[in-house]
Amino acid sequence: MGTEDNRQLRWVFAIGLSVAIHVVIVLLMVGIGGDSSSPSPVASSSSVSSQSPEPTKKVEATAPAQPAAKPDATAPSKPEPQQSAKPSYSTYTVKAGDNLSKIAKMDGSTIAELAELNGTDIKTLSRLQVGQKIKVRNGIE
């Protein structure tokens, strides 16, 4: 009786494994388990056959009938905003014992803001040399 039970279990296992493999293959063919960016062949063929093409409508663009408005000579013109001659930053000269964190703290900004203001990344800016000039937002001494 023991060998008969083993034989039945092996057959049940073999059939179950076969069914599982077939299910995976079918799912891959249908596109459920495949790449979601490409349409499945089954879905595209059924959707193409059920849709009828719509006629293309021709649209023509027309120019506006009115001429462009002329500026009024009597109206006062608005003055253009002038750019400030003073830059939005000041320059700090690196001293012995300075590091980027200390300078950022004195400036009231962050290391990332200093790197952005100086047009570089944090790693490059952190290699400070005594006498080096860097841009800071607030004037620090």
Protein backbone atom coordinates (compact mmCIF):
# COMPACT_ATOMS: atom_id res chain seq x y z
CA MET A 1 0.00 0.00 0.00
CA GLY A 2 2.90 2.37 0.65
CA THR A 3 4.29 2.13 -2.88
CA GLU A 4 0.84 2.71 -4.37
CA ASP A 5 0.47 5.95 -2.36
CA ASN A 6 3.91 7.13 -3.48
CA ARG A 7 3.04 6.44 -7.10
CA GLN A 8 -0.21 8.42 -6.79
CA LEU A 9 1.60 11.35 -5.14
CA ARG A 10 4.18 11.39 -7.93
CA TRP A 11 1.46 11.46 -10.57
CA VAL A 12 -0.43 14.22 -8.77
CA PHE A 13 2.79 16.22 -8.46
CA ALA A 14 3.70 15.68 -12.14
CA ILE A 15 0.23 16.69 -13.34
CA GLY A 16 0.16 19.74 -11.07
CA LEU A 17 3.61 20.83 -12.25
CA SER A 18 2.60 20.37 -15.87
CA VAL A 19 -0.55 22.45 -15.36
CA ALA A 20 1.44 25.20 -13.62
CA ILE A 21 3.99 25.34 -16.47
CA HIS A 22 1.21 25.53 -19.06
CA VAL A 23 -0.52 28.35 -17.14
CA VAL A 24 2.72 30.34 -17.03
CA ILE A 25 3.26 29.84 -20.77
CA VAL A 26 -0.28 30.94 -21.59
CA LEU A 27 0.02 34.01 -19.36
CA LEU A 28 3.29 34.98 -21.05
CA MET A 29 1.73 34.54 -24.48
CA VAL A 30 -1.27 36.67 -23.56
CA GLY A 31 0.98 39.34 -22.11
CA ILE A 32 -0.05 39.33 -18.47
CA GLY A 33 3.34 38.26 -17.19
CA GLY A 34 5.39 39.91 -19.94
CA ASP A 35 6.64 43.43 -20.55
CA SER A 36 3.79 45.86 -19.90
CA SER A 37 5.18 48.50 -22.26
CA SER A 38 4.48 46.44 -25.38
CA PRO A 39 0.92 45.47 -26.26
CA SER A 40 0.04 41.83 -26.28
CA PRO A 41 -0.54 40.24 -29.69
CA VAL A 42 -3.96 38.91 -28.70
CA ALA A 43 -5.25 42.26 -27.43
CA SER A 44 -3.96 44.22 -30.42
CA SER A 45 -5.41 41.87 -33.03
CA SER A 46 -8.88 41.85 -31.47
CA SER A 47 -8.94 45.61 -30.96
CA VAL A 48 -7.85 46.30 -34.53
CA SER A 49 -10.52 44.13 -36.09
CA SER A 50 -13.35 45.59 -34.01
CA GLN A 51 -12.53 49.25 -34.74
CA SER A 52 -13.51 51.02 -37.91
CA PRO A 53 -11.32 53.87 -39.13
CA GLU A 54 -12.74 57.37 -38.81
CA PRO A 55 -12.54 59.71 -41.79
CA THR A 56 -9.84 62.34 -41.49
CA LYS A 57 -11.12 65.90 -41.14
CA LYS A 58 -9.18 68.68 -42.83
CA VAL A 59 -8.76 71.78 -40.70
CA GLU A 60 -7.52 75.03 -42.20
CA ALA A 61 -5.98 77.77 -40.12
CA THR A 62 -7.08 81.31 -40.87
CA ALA A 63 -5.27 84.53 -40.06
CA PRO A 64 -7.01 87.07 -37.81
CA ALA A 65 -8.97 89.71 -39.73
CA GLN A 66 -7.84 92.60 -37.52
CA PRO A 67 -4.50 94.34 -37.99
CA ALA A 68 -2.11 94.45 -35.08
CA ALA A 69 -2.86 97.23 -32.60
CA LYS A 70 -0.57 100.26 -32.78
CA PRO A 71 0.87 101.62 -29.56
CA ASP A 72 -0.77 104.81 -28.33
CA ALA A 73 1.69 107.70 -28.61
CA THR A 74 -0.08 109.69 -25.87
CA ALA A 75 0.09 106.94 -23.27
CA PRO A 76 3.13 107.18 -20.98
CA SER A 77 5.54 104.32 -21.44
CA LYS A 78 6.38 102.16 -18.47
CA PRO A 79 10.03 102.30 -17.44
CA GLU A 80 11.95 99.06 -17.83
CA PRO A 81 13.05 97.53 -14.53
CA GLN A 82 16.74 98.19 -14.15
CA GLN A 83 19.07 95.45 -13.11
CA SER A 84 20.87 96.09 -9.89
CA ALA A 85 24.55 96.80 -10.34
CA LYS A 86 25.17 95.10 -7.01
CA PRO A 87 25.38 91.29 -7.31
CA SER A 88 23.10 89.16 -5.14
CA TYR A 89 26.13 87.70 -3.38
CA SER A 90 29.34 88.78 -1.74
CA THR A 91 32.78 87.19 -1.73
CA TYR A 92 34.37 85.48 1.27
CA THR A 93 38.07 84.68 1.50
CA VAL A 94 38.77 81.31 3.10
CA LYS A 95 40.90 81.50 6.25
CA ALA A 96 42.89 78.86 8.10
CA GLY A 97 40.58 76.53 10.05
CA ASP A 98 37.55 77.19 7.81
CA ASN A 99 35.49 74.41 6.38
CA LEU A 100 32.37 74.47 4.22
CA SER A 101 30.00 73.73 7.10
CA LYS A 102 31.42 76.54 9.18
CA ILE A 103 31.18 79.03 6.30
CA ALA A 104 27.60 77.98 5.53
CA LYS A 105 26.64 78.40 9.18
CA MET A 106 28.23 81.88 9.33
CA ASP A 107 26.44 82.78 6.09
CA GLY A 108 23.07 81.50 7.32
CA SER A 109 22.73 79.16 4.35
CA THR A 110 23.33 75.49 3.59
CA ILE A 111 26.25 73.73 1.97
CA ALA A 112 24.03 72.90 -1.02
CA GLU A 113 23.05 76.56 -1.44
CA LEU A 114 26.72 77.61 -1.39
CA ALA A 115 27.59 74.97 -3.97
CA GLU A 116 24.75 76.15 -6.23
CA LEU A 117 25.74 79.81 -5.82
CA ASN A 118 29.33 78.95 -6.77
CA GLY A 119 28.24 76.84 -9.75
CA THR A 120 29.82 73.60 -8.57
CA ASP A 121 29.02 70.50 -6.58
CA ILE A 122 29.50 70.07 -2.84
CA LYS A 123 32.43 67.65 -3.20
CA THR A 124 34.42 70.08 -5.33
CA LEU A 125 33.57 73.14 -3.24
CA SER A 126 34.52 71.35 -0.01
CA ARG A 127 38.17 71.23 -1.12
CA LEU A 128 38.86 74.67 0.30
CA GLN A 129 42.26 76.35 0.16
CA VAL A 130 43.38 79.21 2.42
CA GLY A 131 42.99 82.43 0.42
CA GLN A 132 40.38 80.95 -1.92
CA LYS A 133 37.46 83.27 -2.67
CA ILE A 134 33.95 81.83 -2.69
CA LYS A 135 30.55 83.42 -3.19
CA VAL A 136 28.26 83.73 -0.15
CA ARG A 137 24.71 85.08 0.06
CA ASN A 138 25.18 87.32 3.11
CA GLY A 139 28.25 89.41 3.74
CA ILE A 140 30.31 87.58 6.36
CA GLU A 141 33.63 88.72 7.73
